């Protein structure tokens, strides 16, 4: 089962060997300075956004891998019945969101990450919605 740990000045999402194979991705490392917001999502499926890219997606059982959307890419390792720690990252990071189901206390994990991250946006406790893509005006007819 994937775990989120702070190691030095990095946040590391450690994947089990079978999760690495399923996700076609190794452990994920981002600087703690890239962490924008940390929330806990009690409903695992609400952490999923965008469309599946690389990984394994078994509805109602397991979602692990990369998901893409117009706001960027997310790394997810979620399972039903477990709360998900959602870590939103600043736009300079390689991913938009890290979403991991945790086996221990999700609230304690989120509090620990908030304490360690130096640039937390505490303006709201909720996870922000994806930005809406810019609309373009339809071409004028001659």
Protein backbone atom coordinates (compact mmCIF):
# COMPACT_ATOMS: atom_id res chain seq x y z
CA UNK A 1 0.00 0.00 0.00
CA UNK A 2 1.31 3.46 -0.92
CA UNK A 3 2.57 5.73 1.86
CA UNK A 4 3.29 9.46 2.09
CA UNK A 5 6.42 10.33 4.03
CA UNK A 6 8.48 13.47 4.47
CA UNK A 7 12.16 12.77 3.97
CA UNK A 8 14.42 15.77 4.43
CA UNK A 9 12.94 18.60 2.38
CA UNK A 10 10.96 16.25 0.10
CA UNK A 11 7.54 14.66 0.16
CA UNK A 12 7.84 11.06 -1.04
CA UNK A 13 4.96 8.85 -2.16
CA UNK A 14 6.36 5.36 -1.64
CA UNK A 15 4.72 2.70 -3.74
CA UNK A 16 4.89 -1.03 -3.09
CA UNK A 17 6.63 -3.04 -5.83
CA UNK A 18 3.34 -4.21 -7.32
CA UNK A 19 1.99 -0.64 -7.27
CA UNK A 20 5.06 0.55 -9.18
CA UNK A 21 4.42 -2.13 -11.79
CA UNK A 22 0.70 -1.30 -12.00
CA UNK A 23 1.23 2.46 -12.16
CA UNK A 24 4.22 2.15 -14.50
CA UNK A 25 5.81 4.78 -12.28
CA UNK A 26 8.37 4.72 -9.49
CA UNK A 27 8.22 6.49 -6.15
CA UNK A 28 7.14 10.12 -6.53
CA UNK A 29 9.28 12.86 -4.98
CA UNK A 30 8.36 16.53 -4.79
CA UNK A 31 9.90 19.30 -2.70
CA UNK A 32 7.90 20.18 0.43
CA UNK A 33 8.06 23.78 -0.82
CA UNK A 34 5.81 22.68 -3.73
CA UNK A 35 2.99 21.68 -1.39
CA UNK A 36 0.14 24.18 -1.64
CA UNK A 37 -2.70 22.54 0.29
CA UNK A 38 -3.28 19.26 2.15
CA UNK A 39 -6.81 17.91 2.63
CA UNK A 40 -8.44 14.63 3.56
CA UNK A 41 -11.14 13.23 1.27
CA UNK A 42 -13.29 10.64 3.08
CA UNK A 43 -14.82 9.38 -0.19
CA UNK A 44 -12.03 7.82 -2.26
CA UNK A 45 -13.69 8.35 -5.63
CA UNK A 46 -13.94 12.12 -5.11
CA UNK A 47 -10.15 12.36 -5.27
CA UNK A 48 -10.16 11.18 -8.89
CA UNK A 49 -10.29 13.82 -11.59
CA UNK A 50 -9.51 13.87 -15.28
CA UNK A 51 -9.02 10.81 -17.45
CA UNK A 52 -6.87 7.76 -16.84
CA UNK A 53 -3.51 7.81 -18.59
CA UNK A 54 -1.00 5.25 -17.31
CA UNK A 55 -1.88 2.75 -14.63
CA UNK A 56 -4.51 0.28 -13.53
CA UNK A 57 -8.14 1.29 -13.12
CA UNK A 58 -10.44 -1.39 -11.71
CA UNK A 59 -13.78 0.27 -10.89
CA UNK A 60 -14.71 -0.09 -7.24
CA UNK A 61 -11.44 -1.88 -6.41
CA UNK A 62 -8.28 0.06 -7.23
CA UNK A 63 -7.15 3.18 -9.05
CA UNK A 64 -3.40 3.69 -9.32
CA UNK A 65 -1.37 5.66 -11.82
CA UNK A 66 -1.45 8.96 -13.66
CA UNK A 67 -4.59 10.91 -14.56
CA UNK A 68 -4.58 13.87 -16.95
CA UNK A 69 -6.78 16.94 -17.16
CA UNK A 70 -6.52 20.46 -18.54
CA UNK A 71 -5.00 21.63 -15.24
CA UNK A 72 -2.10 19.16 -15.42
CA UNK A 73 -1.47 15.61 -14.22
CA UNK A 74 -2.35 13.85 -10.97
CA UNK A 75 -0.74 10.85 -9.33
CA UNK A 76 -3.28 8.65 -7.58
CA UNK A 77 -3.11 5.47 -5.50
CA UNK A 78 -6.59 5.05 -4.05
CA UNK A 79 -8.77 2.22 -2.79
CA UNK A 80 -12.37 2.12 -1.65
CA UNK A 81 -13.13 2.21 2.05
CA UNK A 82 -10.08 4.26 3.02
CA UNK A 83 -9.72 8.01 3.35
CA UNK A 84 -7.50 9.76 0.83
CA UNK A 85 -4.86 12.36 1.66
CA UNK A 86 -4.91 14.89 -1.20
CA UNK A 87 -1.84 17.07 -1.61
CA UNK A 88 -2.35 19.96 -4.03
CA UNK A 89 0.88 21.30 -5.49
CA UNK A 90 1.86 24.75 -6.72
CA UNK A 91 1.87 25.16 -10.54
CA UNK A 92 5.67 24.89 -10.74
CA UNK A 93 5.54 21.24 -9.59
CA UNK A 94 5.47 18.37 -12.12
CA UNK A 95 2.03 17.23 -10.90
CA UNK A 96 -1.12 19.05 -9.81
CA UNK A 97 -2.27 16.61 -7.13
CA UNK A 98 -1.02 13.60 -5.20
CA UNK A 99 -3.91 11.49 -3.90
CA UNK A 100 -3.09 8.48 -1.72
CA UNK A 101 -5.31 6.20 0.37
CA UNK A 102 -3.63 5.77 3.72
CA UNK A 103 -3.94 2.82 6.06
CA UNK A 104 -3.18 4.78 9.22
CA UNK A 105 -4.81 7.98 10.50
CA UNK A 106 -5.40 10.23 7.46
CA UNK A 107 -6.04 13.33 9.57
CA UNK A 108 -2.74 12.89 11.42
CA UNK A 109 -0.87 12.40 8.14
CA UNK A 110 -2.44 15.59 6.73
CA UNK A 111 -1.60 17.58 9.89
CA UNK A 112 2.01 16.39 9.80
CA UNK A 113 2.40 17.37 6.13
CA UNK A 114 0.82 20.79 6.74
CA UNK A 115 3.27 21.40 9.58
CA UNK A 116 6.30 20.44 7.47
CA UNK A 117 5.41 22.28 4.25
CA UNK A 118 6.73 25.86 4.28
CA UNK A 119 4.37 27.40 1.69
CA UNK A 120 0.91 26.13 2.67
CA UNK A 121 -2.06 28.13 1.38
CA UNK A 122 -4.39 28.19 4.37
CA UNK A 123 -7.01 30.47 2.82
CA UNK A 124 -9.47 27.56 2.68
CA UNK A 125 -9.57 24.07 4.10
CA UNK A 126 -11.28 22.64 1.02
CA UNK A 127 -9.60 21.26 -2.05
CA UNK A 128 -9.82 23.68 -4.97
CA UNK A 129 -11.74 22.77 -8.11
CA UNK A 130 -9.99 22.46 -11.43
CA UNK A 131 -9.71 25.75 -13.28
CA UNK A 132 -12.14 26.14 -16.17
CA UNK A 133 -10.42 26.19 -19.55
CA UNK A 134 -10.64 29.52 -21.31
CA UNK A 135 -13.48 29.78 -23.71
CA UNK A 136 -12.88 31.17 -27.15
CA UNK A 137 -15.38 33.10 -29.13
CA UNK A 138 -16.85 31.21 -32.08
CA UNK A 139 -15.52 32.34 -35.44
CA UNK A 140 -17.62 35.00 -37.11
CA UNK A 141 -19.53 33.97 -40.19
CA UNK A 142 -18.85 35.97 -43.39
